[in-house]
Amino acid sequence: MTKIEMQYMEAVIEMNRRQRNREIDWEQRRYEIAREIYPSIVAQTTVENATSAAPVAIFLAQVLINELKKVE
C-alpha cells in the first residue's frame, strides 16, 4: 500500500469515527461558511480590495463557529 493510500484510508477512518460519534468537523464547517459568505464580501468591495475579502470571510466564519460552539 502506498503512502497516499494509507493517508487516504486514515482520513476515511477518522471521518467515520467522527460521524459515528457525531463530532462536528469545525475546520470543514469554517471552510463551508467562508465559501458561502465570500461572494457577498467581494460584491461589496472594489477589485483592488477583493484579495482582502478572503481573510474577512474566514474571520466571520470563525465568529459564527464560536457562537455555535456556545450553543453546543
PDB file of N, CA and C in Angstrom:
ATOM      1  N   MET A   1       0.858  -1.173   0.000  1.00  0.00           N
ATOM      2  CA  MET A   1       0.000   0.000   0.000  1.00  0.00           C
ATOM      3  C   MET A   1       0.909   1.242   0.000  1.00  0.00           C
ATOM      4  N   THR A   2       0.581   2.191  -0.881  1.00  0.00           N
ATOM      5  CA  THR A   2       1.400   3.395  -0.960  1.00  0.00           C
ATOM      6  C   THR A   2       1.094   4.329   0.200  1.00  0.00           C
ATOM      7  N   LYS A   3       1.965   5.308   0.380  1.00  0.00           N
ATOM      8  CA  LYS A   3       1.781   6.270   1.466  1.00  0.00           C
ATOM      9  C   LYS A   3       0.489   7.065   1.273  1.00  0.00           C
ATOM     10  N   ILE A   4       0.200   7.433   0.030  1.00  0.00           N
ATOM     11  CA  ILE A   4      -1.024   8.203  -0.250  1.00  0.00           C
ATOM     12  C   ILE A   4      -2.256   7.365   0.085  1.00  0.00           C
ATOM     13  N   GLU A   5      -2.224   6.095  -0.276  1.00  0.00           N
ATOM     14  CA  GLU A   5      -3.352   5.212   0.032  1.00  0.00           C
ATOM     15  C   GLU A   5      -3.536   5.063   1.536  1.00  0.00           C
ATOM     16  N   MET A   6      -2.435   4.983   2.270  1.00  0.00           N
ATOM     17  CA  MET A   6      -2.518   4.872   3.724  1.00  0.00           C
ATOM     18  C   MET A   6      -3.105   6.144   4.330  1.00  0.00           C
ATOM     19  N   GLN A   7      -2.665   7.306   3.828  1.00  0.00           N
ATOM     20  CA  GLN A   7      -3.190   8.569   4.336  1.00  0.00           C
ATOM     21  C   GLN A   7      -4.674   8.694   4.034  1.00  0.00           C
ATOM     22  N   TYR A   8      -5.071   8.277   2.835  1.00  0.00           N
ATOM     23  CA  TYR A   8      -6.478   8.315   2.464  1.00  0.00           C
ATOM     24  C   TYR A   8      -7.299   7.424   3.390  1.00  0.00           C
ATOM     25  N   MET A   9      -6.800   6.216   3.626  1.00  0.00           N
ATOM     26  CA  MET A   9      -7.512   5.286   4.491  1.00  0.00           C
ATOM     27  C   MET A   9      -7.635   5.830   5.909  1.00  0.00           C
ATOM     28  N   GLU A  10      -6.569   6.434   6.422  1.00  0.00           N
ATOM     29  CA  GLU A  10      -6.614   7.026   7.753  1.00  0.00           C
ATOM     30  C   GLU A  10      -7.635   8.158   7.805  1.00  0.00           C
ATOM     31  N   ALA A  11      -7.696   8.967   6.750  1.00  0.00           N
ATOM     32  CA  ALA A  11      -8.662  10.064   6.706  1.00  0.00           C
ATOM     33  C   ALA A  11     -10.090   9.531   6.702  1.00  0.00           C
ATOM     34  N   VAL A  12     -10.337   8.486   5.936  1.00  0.00           N
ATOM     35  CA  VAL A  12     -11.675   7.888   5.886  1.00  0.00           C
ATOM     36  C   VAL A  12     -12.053   7.306   7.238  1.00  0.00           C
ATOM     37  N   ILE A  13     -11.117   6.626   7.880  1.00  0.00           N
ATOM     38  CA  ILE A  13     -11.376   6.062   9.206  1.00  0.00           C
ATOM     39  C   ILE A  13     -11.709   7.169  10.200  1.00  0.00           C
ATOM     40  N   GLU A  14     -10.956   8.264  10.159  1.00  0.00           N
ATOM     41  CA  GLU A  14     -11.209   9.395  11.056  1.00  0.00           C
ATOM     42  C   GLU A  14     -12.581  10.010  10.792  1.00  0.00           C
ATOM     43  N   MET A  15     -12.939  10.164   9.515  1.00  0.00           N
ATOM     44  CA  MET A  15     -14.253  10.723   9.177  1.00  0.00           C
ATOM     45  C   MET A  15     -15.370   9.815   9.690  1.00  0.00           C
ATOM     46  N   ASN A  16     -15.191   8.515   9.529  1.00  0.00           N
ATOM     47  CA  ASN A  16     -16.201   7.570  10.021  1.00  0.00           C
ATOM     48  C   ASN A  16     -16.316   7.622  11.539  1.00  0.00           C
ATOM     49  N   ARG A  17     -15.180   7.736  12.229  1.00  0.00           N
ATOM     50  CA  ARG A  17     -15.198   7.821  13.687  1.00  0.00           C
ATOM     51  C   ARG A  17     -15.957   9.060  14.137  1.00  0.00           C
ATOM     52  N   ARG A  18     -15.675  10.182  13.493  1.00  0.00           N
ATOM     53  CA  ARG A  18     -16.362  11.423  13.855  1.00  0.00           C
ATOM     54  C   ARG A  18     -17.849  11.330  13.581  1.00  0.00           C
ATOM     55  N   GLN A  19     -18.182  10.756  12.448  1.00  0.00           N
ATOM     56  CA  GLN A  19     -19.597  10.627  12.107  1.00  0.00           C
ATOM     57  C   GLN A  19     -20.305   9.710  13.103  1.00  0.00           C
ATOM     58  N   ARG A  20     -19.649   8.645  13.493  1.00  0.00           N
ATOM     59  CA  ARG A  20     -20.232   7.700  14.450  1.00  0.00           C
ATOM     60  C   ARG A  20     -20.443   8.377  15.799  1.00  0.00           C
ATOM     61  N   ASN A  21     -19.479   9.218  16.192  1.00  0.00           N
ATOM     62  CA  ASN A  21     -19.571   9.924  17.466  1.00  0.00           C
ATOM     63  C   ASN A  21     -20.317  11.253  17.340  1.00  0.00           C
ATOM     64  N   ARG A  22     -20.756  11.538  16.142  1.00  0.00           N
ATOM     65  CA  ARG A  22     -21.477  12.781  15.846  1.00  0.00           C
ATOM     66  C   ARG A  22     -20.662  14.025  16.212  1.00  0.00           C
ATOM     67  N   GLU A  23     -19.357  13.927  16.035  1.00  0.00           N
ATOM     68  CA  GLU A  23     -18.493  15.080  16.266  1.00  0.00           C
ATOM     69  C   GLU A  23     -18.603  16.017  15.066  1.00  0.00           C
ATOM     70  N   ILE A  24     -18.553  17.286  15.326  1.00  0.00           N
ATOM     71  CA  ILE A  24     -18.606  18.276  14.262  1.00  0.00           C
ATOM     72  C   ILE A  24     -17.190  18.573  13.806  1.00  0.00           C
ATOM     73  N   ASP A  25     -16.990  18.553  12.500  1.00  0.00           N
ATOM     74  CA  ASP A  25     -15.695  18.897  11.925  1.00  0.00           C
ATOM     75  C   ASP A  25     -15.686  20.416  11.723  1.00  0.00           C
ATOM     76  N   TRP A  26     -15.186  21.127  12.725  1.00  0.00           N
ATOM     77  CA  TRP A  26     -15.248  22.584  12.698  1.00  0.00           C
ATOM     78  C   TRP A  26     -14.401  23.186  11.582  1.00  0.00           C
ATOM     79  N   GLU A  27     -13.318  22.540  11.208  1.00  0.00           N
ATOM     80  CA  GLU A  27     -12.490  23.043  10.107  1.00  0.00           C
ATOM     81  C   GLU A  27     -13.275  22.984   8.794  1.00  0.00           C
ATOM     82  N   GLN A  28     -14.010  21.899   8.594  1.00  0.00           N
ATOM     83  CA  GLN A  28     -14.850  21.776   7.397  1.00  0.00           C
ATOM     84  C   GLN A  28     -15.974  22.802   7.438  1.00  0.00           C
ATOM     85  N   ARG A  29     -16.569  22.984   8.590  1.00  0.00           N
ATOM     86  CA  ARG A  29     -17.635  23.988   8.719  1.00  0.00           C
ATOM     87  C   ARG A  29     -17.100  25.394   8.437  1.00  0.00           C
ATOM     88  N   ARG A  30     -15.908  25.690   8.935  1.00  0.00           N
ATOM     89  CA  ARG A  30     -15.286  27.005   8.709  1.00  0.00           C
ATOM     90  C   ARG A  30     -15.120  27.245   7.206  1.00  0.00           C
ATOM     91  N   TYR A  31     -14.633  26.227   6.512  1.00  0.00           N
ATOM     92  CA  TYR A  31     -14.455  26.316   5.066  1.00  0.00           C
ATOM     93  C   TYR A  31     -15.794  26.567   4.374  1.00  0.00           C
ATOM     94  N   GLU A  32     -16.811  25.795   4.747  1.00  0.00           N
ATOM     95  CA  GLU A  32     -18.116  25.927   4.104  1.00  0.00           C
ATOM     96  C   GLU A  32     -18.732  27.294   4.341  1.00  0.00           C
ATOM     97  N   ILE A  33     -18.633  27.786   5.560  1.00  0.00           N
ATOM     98  CA  ILE A  33     -19.194  29.107   5.873  1.00  0.00           C
ATOM     99  C   ILE A  33     -18.447  30.195   5.119  1.00  0.00           C
ATOM    100  N   ALA A  34     -17.119  30.144   5.149  1.00  0.00           N
ATOM    101  CA  ALA A  34     -16.318  31.160   4.451  1.00  0.00           C
ATOM    102  C   ALA A  34     -16.611  31.130   2.949  1.00  0.00           C
ATOM    103  N   ARG A  35     -16.734  29.946   2.393  1.00  0.00           N
ATOM    104  CA  ARG A  35     -17.032  29.802   0.968  1.00  0.00           C
ATOM    105  C   ARG A  35     -18.380  30.432   0.619  1.00  0.00           C
ATOM    106  N   GLU A  36     -19.336  30.301   1.507  1.00  0.00           N
ATOM    107  CA  GLU A  36     -20.668  30.856   1.255  1.00  0.00           C
ATOM    108  C   GLU A  36     -20.706  32.381   1.356  1.00  0.00           C
ATOM    109  N   ILE A  37     -19.973  32.944   2.320  1.00  0.00           N
ATOM    110  CA  ILE A  37     -20.061  34.392   2.516  1.00  0.00           C
ATOM    111  C   ILE A  37     -19.056  35.175   1.689  1.00  0.00           C
ATOM    112  N   TYR A  38     -18.030  34.500   1.144  1.00  0.00           N
ATOM    113  CA  TYR A  38     -17.003  35.184   0.358  1.00  0.00           C
ATOM    114  C   TYR A  38     -17.582  35.986  -0.812  1.00  0.00           C
ATOM    115  N   PRO A  39     -18.474  35.410  -1.632  1.00  0.00           N
ATOM    116  CA  PRO A  39     -19.006  36.195  -2.755  1.00  0.00           C
ATOM    117  C   PRO A  39     -19.717  37.474  -2.320  1.00  0.00           C
ATOM    118  N   SER A  40     -20.406  37.438  -1.209  1.00  0.00           N
ATOM    119  CA  SER A  40     -21.087  38.642  -0.722  1.00  0.00           C
ATOM    120  C   SER A  40     -20.092  39.717  -0.324  1.00  0.00           C
ATOM    121  N   ILE A  41     -19.005  39.291   0.295  1.00  0.00           N
ATOM    122  CA  ILE A  41     -17.983  40.254   0.706  1.00  0.00           C
ATOM    123  C   ILE A  41     -17.309  40.851  -0.516  1.00  0.00           C
ATOM    124  N   VAL A  42     -16.986  40.017  -1.504  1.00  0.00           N
ATOM    125  CA  VAL A  42     -16.344  40.503  -2.730  1.00  0.00           C
ATOM    126  C   VAL A  42     -17.265  41.477  -3.455  1.00  0.00           C
ATOM    127  N   ALA A  43     -18.553  41.173  -3.483  1.00  0.00           N
ATOM    128  CA  ALA A  43     -19.512  42.040  -4.175  1.00  0.00           C
ATOM    129  C   ALA A  43     -19.582  43.423  -3.539  1.00  0.00           C
ATOM    130  N   GLN A  44     -19.232  43.533  -2.271  1.00  0.00           N
ATOM    131  CA  GLN A  44     -19.310  44.809  -1.572  1.00  0.00           C
ATOM    132  C   GLN A  44     -17.985  45.563  -1.566  1.00  0.00           C
ATOM    133  N   THR A  45     -16.953  45.004  -2.224  1.00  0.00           N
ATOM    134  CA  THR A  45     -15.648  45.655  -2.238  1.00  0.00           C
ATOM    135  C   THR A  45     -15.244  46.000  -3.658  1.00  0.00           C
ATOM    136  N   THR A  46     -14.184  46.774  -3.778  1.00  0.00           N
ATOM    137  CA  THR A  46     -13.642  47.093  -5.085  1.00  0.00           C
ATOM    138  C   THR A  46     -12.712  45.975  -5.536  1.00  0.00           C
ATOM    139  N   VAL A  47     -12.350  45.974  -6.794  1.00  0.00           N
ATOM    140  CA  VAL A  47     -11.475  44.933  -7.330  1.00  0.00           C
ATOM    141  C   VAL A  47     -10.143  44.920  -6.586  1.00  0.00           C
ATOM    142  N   GLU A  48      -9.621  46.082  -6.231  1.00  0.00           N
ATOM    143  CA  GLU A  48      -8.349  46.163  -5.525  1.00  0.00           C
ATOM    144  C   GLU A  48      -8.429  45.512  -4.144  1.00  0.00           C
ATOM    145  N   ASN A  49      -9.589  45.584  -3.534  1.00  0.00           N
ATOM    146  CA  ASN A  49      -9.742  45.046  -2.179  1.00  0.00           C
ATOM    147  C   ASN A  49     -10.280  43.618  -2.147  1.00  0.00           C
ATOM    148  N   ALA A  50     -10.494  43.012  -3.311  1.00  0.00           N
ATOM    149  CA  ALA A  50     -11.059  41.659  -3.358  1.00  0.00           C
ATOM    150  C   ALA A  50     -10.148  40.645  -2.689  1.00  0.00           C
ATOM    151  N   THR A  51      -8.829  40.864  -2.742  1.00  0.00           N
ATOM    152  CA  THR A  51      -7.920  39.905  -2.111  1.00  0.00           C
ATOM    153  C   THR A  51      -8.036  39.927  -0.594  1.00  0.00           C
ATOM    154  N   SER A  52      -8.465  41.036  -0.045  1.00  0.00           N
ATOM    155  CA  SER A  52      -8.629  41.106   1.406  1.00  0.00           C
ATOM    156  C   SER A  52      -9.964  40.506   1.858  1.00  0.00           C
ATOM    157  N   ALA A  53     -10.802  40.101   0.917  1.00  0.00           N
ATOM    158  CA  ALA A  53     -12.101  39.526   1.275  1.00  0.00           C
ATOM    159  C   ALA A  53     -11.953  38.141   1.885  1.00  0.00           C
ATOM    160  N   ALA A  54     -10.955  37.372   1.472  1.00  0.00           N
ATOM    161  CA  ALA A  54     -10.789  36.012   1.993  1.00  0.00           C
ATOM    162  C   ALA A  54     -10.528  36.009   3.498  1.00  0.00           C
ATOM    163  N   PRO A  55      -9.569  36.804   3.997  1.00  0.00           N
ATOM    164  CA  PRO A  55      -9.375  36.810   5.461  1.00  0.00           C
ATOM    165  C   PRO A  55     -10.608  37.277   6.222  1.00  0.00           C
ATOM    166  N   VAL A  56     -11.364  38.196   5.628  1.00  0.00           N
ATOM    167  CA  VAL A  56     -12.586  38.672   6.286  1.00  0.00           C
ATOM    168  C   VAL A  56     -13.605  37.536   6.350  1.00  0.00           C
ATOM    169  N   ALA A  57     -13.749  36.785   5.260  1.00  0.00           N
ATOM    170  CA  ALA A  57     -14.692  35.666   5.235  1.00  0.00           C
ATOM    171  C   ALA A  57     -14.308  34.617   6.276  1.00  0.00           C
ATOM    172  N   ILE A  58     -13.020  34.331   6.378  1.00  0.00           N
ATOM    173  CA  ILE A  58     -12.549  33.349   7.357  1.00  0.00           C
ATOM    174  C   ILE A  58     -12.794  33.849   8.780  1.00  0.00           C
ATOM    175  N   PHE A  59     -12.528  35.128   9.013  1.00  0.00           N
ATOM    176  CA  PHE A  59     -12.755  35.707  10.341  1.00  0.00           C
ATOM    177  C   PHE A  59     -14.235  35.621  10.719  1.00  0.00           C
ATOM    178  N   LEU A  60     -15.108  35.999   9.801  1.00  0.00           N
ATOM    179  CA  LEU A  60     -16.541  35.955  10.092  1.00  0.00           C
ATOM    180  C   LEU A  60     -17.022  34.524  10.303  1.00  0.00           C
ATOM    181  N   ALA A  61     -16.461  33.590   9.550  1.00  0.00           N
ATOM    182  CA  ALA A  61     -16.810  32.187   9.743  1.00  0.00           C
ATOM    183  C   ALA A  61     -16.414  31.733  11.150  1.00  0.00           C
ATOM    184  N   GLN A  62     -15.244  32.166  11.598  1.00  0.00           N
ATOM    185  CA  GLN A  62     -14.785  31.792  12.932  1.00  0.00           C
ATOM    186  C   GLN A  62     -15.672  32.404  14.013  1.00  0.00           C
ATOM    187  N   VAL A  63     -16.109  33.633  13.804  1.00  0.00           N
ATOM    188  CA  VAL A  63     -17.017  34.279  14.763  1.00  0.00           C
ATOM    189  C   VAL A  63     -18.302  33.469  14.876  1.00  0.00           C
ATOM    190  N   LEU A  64     -18.845  33.056  13.742  1.00  0.00           N
ATOM    191  CA  LEU A  64     -20.066  32.255  13.759  1.00  0.00           C
ATOM    192  C   LEU A  64     -19.833  30.909  14.450  1.00  0.00           C
ATOM    193  N   ILE A  65     -18.722  30.274  14.158  1.00  0.00           N
ATOM    194  CA  ILE A  65     -18.399  28.990  14.787  1.00  0.00           C
ATOM    195  C   ILE A  65     -18.281  29.144  16.297  1.00  0.00           C
ATOM    196  N   ASN A  66     -17.643  30.211  16.742  1.00  0.00           N
ATOM    197  CA  ASN A  66     -17.520  30.445  18.187  1.00  0.00           C
ATOM    198  C   ASN A  66     -18.895  30.537  18.840  1.00  0.00           C
ATOM    199  N   GLU A  67     -19.820  31.209  18.176  1.00  0.00           N
ATOM    200  CA  GLU A  67     -21.176  31.307  18.718  1.00  0.00           C
ATOM    201  C   GLU A  67     -21.888  29.966  18.693  1.00  0.00           C
ATOM    202  N   LEU A  68     -21.681  29.196  17.631  1.00  0.00           N
ATOM    203  CA  LEU A  68     -22.306  27.878  17.545  1.00  0.00           C
ATOM    204  C   LEU A  68     -21.771  26.939  18.619  1.00  0.00           C
ATOM    205  N   LYS A  69     -20.511  27.055  18.929  1.00  0.00           N
ATOM    206  CA  LYS A  69     -19.917  26.210  19.967  1.00  0.00           C
ATOM    207  C   LYS A  69     -20.493  26.519  21.345  1.00  0.00           C
ATOM    208  N   LYS A  70     -20.914  27.760  21.555  1.00  0.00           N
ATOM    209  CA  LYS A  70     -21.524  28.132  22.837  1.00  0.00           C
ATOM    210  C   LYS A  70     -22.857  27.414  23.013  1.00  0.00           C
ATOM    211  N   VAL A  71     -23.568  27.200  21.912  1.00  0.00           N
ATOM    212  CA  VAL A  71     -24.870  26.561  21.943  1.00  0.00           C
ATOM    213  C   VAL A  71     -24.733  25.068  22.169  1.00  0.00           C
ATOM    214  N   GLU A  72     -23.652  24.494  21.692  1.00  0.00           N
ATOM    215  CA  GLU A  72     -23.425  23.052  21.746  1.00  0.00           C
ATOM    216  C   GLU A  72     -23.511  22.461  23.113  1.00  0.00           C
TER     217      GLU A  72
END
